[in-house]
Amino acid sequence: MAHIDTTAFDRLADNGAGFVDGAILMQLGMRAAIGGAGAPDRVAAHMYFNLADRKGIDGAAAHRRDIAAEMSKAEIAAALRAARTWLTLH
């Protein structure tokens, strides 16, 4: 999962995470969904599609729904928690 080390900056706003492009989040979601780094990670894919959707990326919500159809309720809950954590940290 992508993570920006916020401890390396004096102010949280200086870490640049606010400038993460929705298209990058969509690409990360696609990579996680197809297992670009090994086995598919549906939790990470759902999280990234959710974040991309929040940035207004077309198709992100549809991909998130497709992934969610293959996930348990616990996996979906984990993905939603991960997205909230990502938003809090970034």
PDB file of N, CA and C in Angstrom:
ATOM      1  N   MET A   1       0.836  -1.160   0.000  1.00  0.00           N
ATOM      2  CA  MET A   1       0.000   0.000   0.000  1.00  0.00           C
ATOM      3  C   MET A   1       0.892   1.238   0.000  1.00  0.00           C
ATOM      4  N   ALA A   2       0.562   2.215  -0.798  1.00  0.00           N
ATOM      5  CA  ALA A   2       1.352   3.439  -0.864  1.00  0.00           C
ATOM      6  C   ALA A   2       1.205   4.217   0.435  1.00  0.00           C
ATOM      7  N   HIS A   3       2.308   4.782   0.877  1.00  0.00           N
ATOM      8  CA  HIS A   3       2.291   5.562   2.102  1.00  0.00           C
ATOM      9  C   HIS A   3       3.358   6.638   2.006  1.00  0.00           C
ATOM     10  N   ILE A   4       3.003   7.832   2.410  1.00  0.00           N
ATOM     11  CA  ILE A   4       3.951   8.938   2.442  1.00  0.00           C
ATOM     12  C   ILE A   4       4.366   9.127   3.889  1.00  0.00           C
ATOM     13  N   ASP A   5       5.665   9.117   4.143  1.00  0.00           N
ATOM     14  CA  ASP A   5       6.181   9.261   5.495  1.00  0.00           C
ATOM     15  C   ASP A   5       6.001  10.697   5.953  1.00  0.00           C
ATOM     16  N   THR A   6       4.963  10.923   6.758  1.00  0.00           N
ATOM     17  CA  THR A   6       4.668  12.281   7.221  1.00  0.00           C
ATOM     18  C   THR A   6       5.595  12.730   8.328  1.00  0.00           C
ATOM     19  N   THR A   7       6.371  11.825   8.892  1.00  0.00           N
ATOM     20  CA  THR A   7       7.270  12.209   9.983  1.00  0.00           C
ATOM     21  C   THR A   7       8.477  12.981   9.484  1.00  0.00           C
ATOM     22  N   ALA A   8       8.697  12.978   8.175  1.00  0.00           N
ATOM     23  CA  ALA A   8       9.867  13.649   7.619  1.00  0.00           C
ATOM     24  C   ALA A   8       9.621  15.139   7.384  1.00  0.00           C
ATOM     25  N   PHE A   9       8.464  15.636   7.793  1.00  0.00           N
ATOM     26  CA  PHE A   9       8.119  17.027   7.528  1.00  0.00           C
ATOM     27  C   PHE A   9       7.735  17.723   8.831  1.00  0.00           C
ATOM     28  N   ASP A  10       8.086  18.994   8.924  1.00  0.00           N
ATOM     29  CA  ASP A  10       7.742  19.761  10.110  1.00  0.00           C
ATOM     30  C   ASP A  10       6.242  19.979  10.224  1.00  0.00           C
ATOM     31  N   ARG A  11       5.618  20.236   9.086  1.00  0.00           N
ATOM     32  CA  ARG A  11       4.178  20.460   9.071  1.00  0.00           C
ATOM     33  C   ARG A  11       3.544  19.407   8.167  1.00  0.00           C
ATOM     34  N   LEU A  12       2.407  18.834   8.606  1.00  0.00           N
ATOM     35  CA  LEU A  12       1.733  17.801   7.831  1.00  0.00           C
ATOM     36  C   LEU A  12       1.390  18.298   6.427  1.00  0.00           C
ATOM     37  N   ALA A  13       1.049  19.565   6.293  1.00  0.00           N
ATOM     38  CA  ALA A  13       0.675  20.106   4.991  1.00  0.00           C
ATOM     39  C   ALA A  13       1.838  20.118   4.006  1.00  0.00           C
ATOM     40  N   ASP A  14       3.064  20.004   4.494  1.00  0.00           N
ATOM     41  CA  ASP A  14       4.241  20.049   3.632  1.00  0.00           C
ATOM     42  C   ASP A  14       4.592  18.708   2.995  1.00  0.00           C
ATOM     43  N   ASN A  15       3.868  17.630   3.342  1.00  0.00           N
ATOM     44  CA  ASN A  15       4.261  16.312   2.850  1.00  0.00           C
ATOM     45  C   ASN A  15       3.824  16.051   1.415  1.00  0.00           C
ATOM     46  N   GLY A  16       2.990  16.907   0.840  1.00  0.00           N
ATOM     47  CA  GLY A  16       2.602  16.775  -0.559  1.00  0.00           C
ATOM     48  C   GLY A  16       1.487  15.800  -0.830  1.00  0.00           C
ATOM     49  N   ALA A  17       1.002  15.096   0.170  1.00  0.00           N
ATOM     50  CA  ALA A  17      -0.037  14.084  -0.049  1.00  0.00           C
ATOM     51  C   ALA A  17      -1.330  14.700  -0.572  1.00  0.00           C
ATOM     52  N   GLY A  18      -1.573  15.949  -0.254  1.00  0.00           N
ATOM     53  CA  GLY A  18      -2.772  16.620  -0.757  1.00  0.00           C
ATOM     54  C   GLY A  18      -2.778  16.750  -2.266  1.00  0.00           C
ATOM     55  N   PHE A  19      -1.611  16.572  -2.871  1.00  0.00           N
ATOM     56  CA  PHE A  19      -1.488  16.702  -4.312  1.00  0.00           C
ATOM     57  C   PHE A  19      -1.501  15.357  -5.033  1.00  0.00           C
ATOM     58  N   VAL A  20      -1.781  14.270  -4.294  1.00  0.00           N
ATOM     59  CA  VAL A  20      -1.846  12.956  -4.923  1.00  0.00           C
ATOM     60  C   VAL A  20      -3.002  12.980  -5.915  1.00  0.00           C
ATOM     61  N   ASP A  21      -2.666  12.701  -7.144  1.00  0.00           N
ATOM     62  CA  ASP A  21      -3.633  12.744  -8.235  1.00  0.00           C
ATOM     63  C   ASP A  21      -4.553  11.534  -8.168  1.00  0.00           C
ATOM     64  N   GLY A  22      -5.832  11.754  -8.461  1.00  0.00           N
ATOM     65  CA  GLY A  22      -6.792  10.667  -8.468  1.00  0.00           C
ATOM     66  C   GLY A  22      -6.442   9.578  -9.461  1.00  0.00           C
ATOM     67  N   ALA A  23      -5.812   9.945 -10.569  1.00  0.00           N
ATOM     68  CA  ALA A  23      -5.425   8.949 -11.575  1.00  0.00           C
ATOM     69  C   ALA A  23      -4.382   7.987 -11.013  1.00  0.00           C
ATOM     70  N   ILE A  24      -3.503   8.498 -10.159  1.00  0.00           N
ATOM     71  CA  ILE A  24      -2.505   7.633  -9.523  1.00  0.00           C
ATOM     72  C   ILE A  24      -3.200   6.657  -8.585  1.00  0.00           C
ATOM     73  N   LEU A  25      -4.173   7.150  -7.826  1.00  0.00           N
ATOM     74  CA  LEU A  25      -4.926   6.273  -6.932  1.00  0.00           C
ATOM     75  C   LEU A  25      -5.661   5.199  -7.727  1.00  0.00           C
ATOM     76  N   MET A  26      -6.202   5.577  -8.875  1.00  0.00           N
ATOM     77  CA  MET A  26      -6.894   4.612  -9.738  1.00  0.00           C
ATOM     78  C   MET A  26      -5.912   3.544 -10.232  1.00  0.00           C
ATOM     79  N   GLN A  27      -4.717   3.962 -10.636  1.00  0.00           N
ATOM     80  CA  GLN A  27      -3.705   3.016 -11.097  1.00  0.00           C
ATOM     81  C   GLN A  27      -3.290   2.067  -9.979  1.00  0.00           C
ATOM     82  N   LEU A  28      -3.142   2.596  -8.776  1.00  0.00           N
ATOM     83  CA  LEU A  28      -2.801   1.748  -7.633  1.00  0.00           C
ATOM     84  C   LEU A  28      -3.916   0.731  -7.365  1.00  0.00           C
ATOM     85  N   GLY A  29      -5.164   1.173  -7.502  1.00  0.00           N
ATOM     86  CA  GLY A  29      -6.290   0.266  -7.335  1.00  0.00           C
ATOM     87  C   GLY A  29      -6.290  -0.842  -8.374  1.00  0.00           C
ATOM     88  N   MET A  30      -6.020  -0.495  -9.625  1.00  0.00           N
ATOM     89  CA  MET A  30      -5.971  -1.493 -10.694  1.00  0.00           C
ATOM     90  C   MET A  30      -4.844  -2.480 -10.440  1.00  0.00           C
ATOM     91  N   ARG A  31      -3.697  -1.962 -10.026  1.00  0.00           N
ATOM     92  CA  ARG A  31      -2.545  -2.840  -9.753  1.00  0.00           C
ATOM     93  C   ARG A  31      -2.866  -3.804  -8.620  1.00  0.00           C
ATOM     94  N   ALA A  32      -3.493  -3.302  -7.558  1.00  0.00           N
ATOM     95  CA  ALA A  32      -3.858  -4.163  -6.425  1.00  0.00           C
ATOM     96  C   ALA A  32      -4.908  -5.193  -6.850  1.00  0.00           C
ATOM     97  N   ALA A  33      -5.851  -4.780  -7.690  1.00  0.00           N
ATOM     98  CA  ALA A  33      -6.938  -5.670  -8.099  1.00  0.00           C
ATOM     99  C   ALA A  33      -6.448  -6.827  -8.966  1.00  0.00           C
ATOM    100  N   ILE A  34      -5.456  -6.573  -9.806  1.00  0.00           N
ATOM    101  CA  ILE A  34      -4.977  -7.636 -10.700  1.00  0.00           C
ATOM    102  C   ILE A  34      -3.774  -8.369 -10.127  1.00  0.00           C
ATOM    103  N   GLY A  35      -3.283  -7.886  -8.995  1.00  0.00           N
ATOM    104  CA  GLY A  35      -2.131  -8.551  -8.381  1.00  0.00           C
ATOM    105  C   GLY A  35      -0.837  -8.212  -9.066  1.00  0.00           C
ATOM    106  N   GLY A  36      -0.647  -6.962  -9.414  1.00  0.00           N
ATOM    107  CA  GLY A  36       0.569  -6.524 -10.089  1.00  0.00           C
ATOM    108  C   GLY A  36       1.846  -6.809  -9.307  1.00  0.00           C
ATOM    109  N   ALA A  37       1.725  -6.972  -7.995  1.00  0.00           N
ATOM    110  CA  ALA A  37       2.899  -7.252  -7.164  1.00  0.00           C
ATOM    111  C   ALA A  37       2.774  -8.615  -6.499  1.00  0.00           C
ATOM    112  N   GLY A  38       2.050  -9.519  -7.136  1.00  0.00           N
ATOM    113  CA  GLY A  38       1.823 -10.853  -6.556  1.00  0.00           C
ATOM    114  C   GLY A  38       0.344 -11.166  -6.576  1.00  0.00           C
ATOM    115  N   ALA A  39      -0.161 -11.635  -5.458  1.00  0.00           N
ATOM    116  CA  ALA A  39      -1.576 -11.978  -5.354  1.00  0.00           C
ATOM    117  C   ALA A  39      -2.425 -10.709  -5.318  1.00  0.00           C
ATOM    118  N   PRO A  40      -3.629 -10.752  -5.906  1.00  0.00           N
ATOM    119  CA  PRO A  40      -4.519  -9.588  -5.830  1.00  0.00           C
ATOM    120  C   PRO A  40      -4.823  -9.228  -4.377  1.00  0.00           C
ATOM    121  N   ASP A  41      -4.900  -7.945  -4.107  1.00  0.00           N
ATOM    122  CA  ASP A  41      -5.221  -7.443  -2.769  1.00  0.00           C
ATOM    123  C   ASP A  41      -6.520  -6.659  -2.887  1.00  0.00           C
ATOM    124  N   ARG A  42      -7.642  -7.332  -2.641  1.00  0.00           N
ATOM    125  CA  ARG A  42      -8.954  -6.694  -2.816  1.00  0.00           C
ATOM    126  C   ARG A  42      -9.175  -5.564  -1.828  1.00  0.00           C
ATOM    127  N   VAL A  43      -8.656  -5.694  -0.615  1.00  0.00           N
ATOM    128  CA  VAL A  43      -8.830  -4.634   0.384  1.00  0.00           C
ATOM    129  C   VAL A  43      -8.134  -3.355  -0.090  1.00  0.00           C
ATOM    130  N   ALA A  44      -6.897  -3.483  -0.540  1.00  0.00           N
ATOM    131  CA  ALA A  44      -6.168  -2.313  -1.039  1.00  0.00           C
ATOM    132  C   ALA A  44      -6.834  -1.759  -2.290  1.00  0.00           C
ATOM    133  N   ALA A  45      -7.277  -2.636  -3.187  1.00  0.00           N
ATOM    134  CA  ALA A  45      -7.930  -2.183  -4.415  1.00  0.00           C
ATOM    135  C   ALA A  45      -9.176  -1.379  -4.077  1.00  0.00           C
ATOM    136  N   HIS A  46     -10.001  -1.894  -3.185  1.00  0.00           N
ATOM    137  CA  HIS A  46     -11.230  -1.185  -2.777  1.00  0.00           C
ATOM    138  C   HIS A  46     -10.874   0.173  -2.191  1.00  0.00           C
ATOM    139  N   MET A  47      -9.849   0.199  -1.330  1.00  0.00           N
ATOM    140  CA  MET A  47      -9.436   1.456  -0.711  1.00  0.00           C
ATOM    141  C   MET A  47      -9.018   2.483  -1.767  1.00  0.00           C
ATOM    142  N   TYR A  48      -8.155   2.056  -2.698  1.00  0.00           N
ATOM    143  CA  TYR A  48      -7.678   2.997  -3.712  1.00  0.00           C
ATOM    144  C   TYR A  48      -8.800   3.442  -4.648  1.00  0.00           C
ATOM    145  N   PHE A  49      -9.697   2.534  -5.029  1.00  0.00           N
ATOM    146  CA  PHE A  49     -10.834   2.933  -5.868  1.00  0.00           C
ATOM    147  C   PHE A  49     -11.731   3.909  -5.123  1.00  0.00           C
ATOM    148  N   ASN A  50     -11.907   3.696  -3.835  1.00  0.00           N
ATOM    149  CA  ASN A  50     -12.698   4.604  -3.023  1.00  0.00           C
ATOM    150  C   ASN A  50     -12.059   5.995  -3.005  1.00  0.00           C
ATOM    151  N   LEU A  51     -10.750   6.044  -2.783  1.00  0.00           N
ATOM    152  CA  LEU A  51     -10.046   7.329  -2.760  1.00  0.00           C
ATOM    153  C   LEU A  51     -10.068   8.004  -4.133  1.00  0.00           C
ATOM    154  N   ALA A  52      -9.912   7.218  -5.195  1.00  0.00           N
ATOM    155  CA  ALA A  52      -9.967   7.772  -6.552  1.00  0.00           C
ATOM    156  C   ALA A  52     -11.354   8.330  -6.847  1.00  0.00           C
ATOM    157  N   ASP A  53     -12.382   7.634  -6.392  1.00  0.00           N
ATOM    158  CA  ASP A  53     -13.751   8.121  -6.573  1.00  0.00           C
ATOM    159  C   ASP A  53     -13.941   9.457  -5.870  1.00  0.00           C
ATOM    160  N   ARG A  54     -13.387   9.579  -4.672  1.00  0.00           N
ATOM    161  CA  ARG A  54     -13.479  10.849  -3.936  1.00  0.00           C
ATOM    162  C   ARG A  54     -12.796  11.990  -4.693  1.00  0.00           C
ATOM    163  N   LYS A  55     -11.804  11.649  -5.515  1.00  0.00           N
ATOM    164  CA  LYS A  55     -11.098  12.656  -6.322  1.00  0.00           C
ATOM    165  C   LYS A  55     -11.805  12.895  -7.656  1.00  0.00           C
ATOM    166  N   GLY A  56     -12.936  12.194  -7.894  1.00  0.00           N
ATOM    167  CA  GLY A  56     -13.730  12.433  -9.091  1.00  0.00           C
ATOM    168  C   GLY A  56     -13.312  11.647 -10.319  1.00  0.00           C
ATOM    169  N   ILE A  57     -12.607  10.552 -10.143  1.00  0.00           N
ATOM    170  CA  ILE A  57     -12.136   9.768 -11.282  1.00  0.00           C
ATOM    171  C   ILE A  57     -13.270   8.899 -11.819  1.00  0.00           C
ATOM    172  N   ASP A  58     -13.568   9.056 -13.113  1.00  0.00           N
ATOM    173  CA  ASP A  58     -14.607   8.262 -13.764  1.00  0.00           C
ATOM    174  C   ASP A  58     -14.250   6.784 -13.711  1.00  0.00           C
ATOM    175  N   GLY A  59     -15.222   5.973 -13.381  1.00  0.00           N
ATOM    176  CA  GLY A  59     -15.034   4.534 -13.365  1.00  0.00           C
ATOM    177  C   GLY A  59     -14.565   3.975 -12.036  1.00  0.00           C
ATOM    178  N   ALA A  60     -14.064   4.819 -11.148  1.00  0.00           N
ATOM    179  CA  ALA A  60     -13.542   4.325  -9.870  1.00  0.00           C
ATOM    180  C   ALA A  60     -14.643   3.685  -9.035  1.00  0.00           C
ATOM    181  N   ALA A  61     -15.815   4.297  -8.996  1.00  0.00           N
ATOM    182  CA  ALA A  61     -16.919   3.744  -8.206  1.00  0.00           C
ATOM    183  C   ALA A  61     -17.362   2.395  -8.756  1.00  0.00           C
ATOM    184  N   ALA A  62     -17.381   2.257 -10.058  1.00  0.00           N
ATOM    185  CA  ALA A  62     -17.779   0.987 -10.675  1.00  0.00           C
ATOM    186  C   ALA A  62     -16.776  -0.109 -10.349  1.00  0.00           C
ATOM    187  N   HIS A  63     -15.493   0.208 -10.404  1.00  0.00           N
ATOM    188  CA  HIS A  63     -14.466  -0.774 -10.048  1.00  0.00           C
ATOM    189  C   HIS A  63     -14.577  -1.146  -8.570  1.00  0.00           C
ATOM    190  N   ARG A  64     -14.860  -0.160  -7.735  1.00  0.00           N
ATOM    191  CA  ARG A  64     -15.019  -0.430  -6.303  1.00  0.00           C
ATOM    192  C   ARG A  64     -16.200  -1.378  -6.069  1.00  0.00           C
ATOM    193  N   ARG A  65     -17.307  -1.151  -6.776  1.00  0.00           N
ATOM    194  CA  ARG A  65     -18.473  -2.045  -6.654  1.00  0.00           C
ATOM    195  C   ARG A  65     -18.138  -3.456  -7.118  1.00  0.00           C
ATOM    196  N   ASP A  66     -17.400  -3.562  -8.230  1.00  0.00           N
ATOM    197  CA  ASP A  66     -17.022  -4.886  -8.746  1.00  0.00           C
ATOM    198  C   ASP A  66     -16.168  -5.651  -7.737  1.00  0.00           C
ATOM    199  N   ILE A  67     -15.205  -4.959  -7.154  1.00  0.00           N
ATOM    200  CA  ILE A  67     -14.336  -5.587  -6.157  1.00  0.00           C
ATOM    201  C   ILE A  67     -15.146  -5.962  -4.920  1.00  0.00           C
ATOM    202  N   ALA A  68     -16.032  -5.064  -4.494  1.00  0.00           N
ATOM    203  CA  ALA A  68     -16.835  -5.312  -3.292  1.00  0.00           C
ATOM    204  C   ALA A  68     -17.706  -6.552  -3.443  1.00  0.00           C
ATOM    205  N   ALA A  69     -18.134  -6.837  -4.664  1.00  0.00           N
ATOM    206  CA  ALA A  69     -18.966  -8.021  -4.907  1.00  0.00           C
ATOM    207  C   ALA A  69     -18.211  -9.314  -4.613  1.00  0.00           C
ATOM    208  N   GLU A  70     -16.890  -9.270  -4.618  1.00  0.00           N
ATOM    209  CA  GLU A  70     -16.053 -10.443  -4.367  1.00  0.00           C
ATOM    210  C   GLU A  70     -15.529 -10.489  -2.930  1.00  0.00           C
ATOM    211  N   MET A  71     -15.902  -9.491  -2.117  1.00  0.00           N
ATOM    212  CA  MET A  71     -15.333  -9.356  -0.780  1.00  0.00           C
ATOM    213  C   MET A  71     -16.342  -9.721   0.301  1.00  0.00           C
ATOM    214  N   SER A  72     -15.816 -10.145   1.438  1.00  0.00           N
ATOM    215  CA  SER A  72     -16.663 -10.363   2.604  1.00  0.00           C
ATOM    216  C   SER A  72     -16.958  -9.009   3.265  1.00  0.00           C
ATOM    217  N   LYS A  73     -17.928  -9.008   4.160  1.00  0.00           N
ATOM    218  CA  LYS A  73     -18.238  -7.777   4.891  1.00  0.00           C
ATOM    219  C   LYS A  73     -17.040  -7.315   5.712  1.00  0.00           C
ATOM    220  N   ALA A  74     -16.307  -8.255   6.260  1.00  0.00           N
ATOM    221  CA  ALA A  74     -15.122  -7.907   7.056  1.00  0.00           C
ATOM    222  C   ALA A  74     -14.042  -7.261   6.183  1.00  0.00           C
ATOM    223  N   GLU A  75     -13.857  -7.770   4.963  1.00  0.00           N
ATOM    224  CA  GLU A  75     -12.870  -7.183   4.050  1.00  0.00           C
ATOM    225  C   GLU A  75     -13.288  -5.774   3.643  1.00  0.00           C
ATOM    226  N   ILE A  76     -14.577  -5.590   3.377  1.00  0.00           N
ATOM    227  CA  ILE A  76     -15.066  -4.252   3.009  1.00  0.00           C
ATOM    228  C   ILE A  76     -14.860  -3.285   4.172  1.00  0.00           C
ATOM    229  N   ALA A  77     -15.166  -3.734   5.372  1.00  0.00           N
ATOM    230  CA  ALA A  77     -14.961  -2.886   6.553  1.00  0.00           C
ATOM    231  C   ALA A  77     -13.493  -2.518   6.705  1.00  0.00           C
ATOM    232  N   ALA A  78     -12.604  -3.481   6.470  1.00  0.00           N
ATOM    233  CA  ALA A  78     -11.163  -3.206   6.556  1.00  0.00           C
ATOM    234  C   ALA A  78     -10.745  -2.191   5.499  1.00  0.00           C
ATOM    235  N   ALA A  79     -11.294  -2.310   4.300  1.00  0.00           N
ATOM    236  CA  ALA A  79     -10.964  -1.364   3.224  1.00  0.00           C
ATOM    237  C   ALA A  79     -11.446   0.038   3.556  1.00  0.00           C
ATOM    238  N   LEU A  80     -12.630   0.142   4.118  1.00  0.00           N
ATOM    239  CA  LEU A  80     -13.163   1.453   4.495  1.00  0.00           C
ATOM    240  C   LEU A  80     -12.342   2.069   5.625  1.00  0.00           C
ATOM    241  N   ARG A  81     -11.930   1.246   6.583  1.00  0.00           N
ATOM    242  CA  ARG A  81     -11.057   1.753   7.658  1.00  0.00           C
ATOM    243  C   ARG A  81      -9.727   2.227   7.090  1.00  0.00           C
ATOM    244  N   ALA A  82      -9.179   1.461   6.163  1.00  0.00           N
ATOM    245  CA  ALA A  82      -7.901   1.834   5.549  1.00  0.00           C
ATOM    246  C   ALA A  82      -8.029   3.158   4.800  1.00  0.00           C
ATOM    247  N   ALA A  83      -9.137   3.354   4.099  1.00  0.00           N
ATOM    248  CA  ALA A  83      -9.349   4.615   3.371  1.00  0.00           C
ATOM    249  C   ALA A  83      -9.456   5.784   4.345  1.00  0.00           C
ATOM    250  N   ARG A  84     -10.193   5.587   5.435  1.00  0.00           N
ATOM    251  CA  ARG A  84     -10.302   6.660   6.429  1.00  0.00           C
ATOM    252  C   ARG A  84      -8.945   6.973   7.047  1.00  0.00           C
ATOM    253  N   THR A  85      -8.175   5.936   7.338  1.00  0.00           N
ATOM    254  CA  THR A  85      -6.840   6.144   7.894  1.00  0.00           C
ATOM    255  C   THR A  85      -5.963   6.891   6.907  1.00  0.00           C
ATOM    256  N   TRP A  86      -6.013   6.492   5.632  1.00  0.00           N
ATOM    257  CA  TRP A  86      -5.225   7.159   4.592  1.00  0.00           C
ATOM    258  C   TRP A  86      -5.584   8.638   4.535  1.00  0.00           C
ATOM    259  N   LEU A  87      -6.883   8.941   4.570  1.00  0.00           N
ATOM    260  CA  LEU A  87      -7.316  10.336   4.519  1.00  0.00           C
ATOM    261  C   LEU A  87      -6.853  11.106   5.758  1.00  0.00           C
ATOM    262  N   THR A  88      -6.851  10.451   6.902  1.00  0.00           N
ATOM    263  CA  THR A  88      -6.394  11.104   8.132  1.00  0.00           C
ATOM    264  C   THR A  88      -4.900  11.402   8.070  1.00  0.00           C
ATOM    265  N   LEU A  89      -4.131  10.445   7.547  1.00  0.00           N
ATOM    266  CA  LEU A  89      -2.684  10.617   7.479  1.00  0.00           C
ATOM    267  C   LEU A  89      -2.240  11.533   6.351  1.00  0.00           C
ATOM    268  N   HIS A  90      -3.049  11.631   5.333  1.00  0.00           N
ATOM    269  CA  HIS A  90      -2.640  12.405   4.173  1.00  0.00           C
ATOM    270  C   HIS A  90      -3.535  13.610   4.009  1.00  0.00           C
TER     271      HIS A  90
END
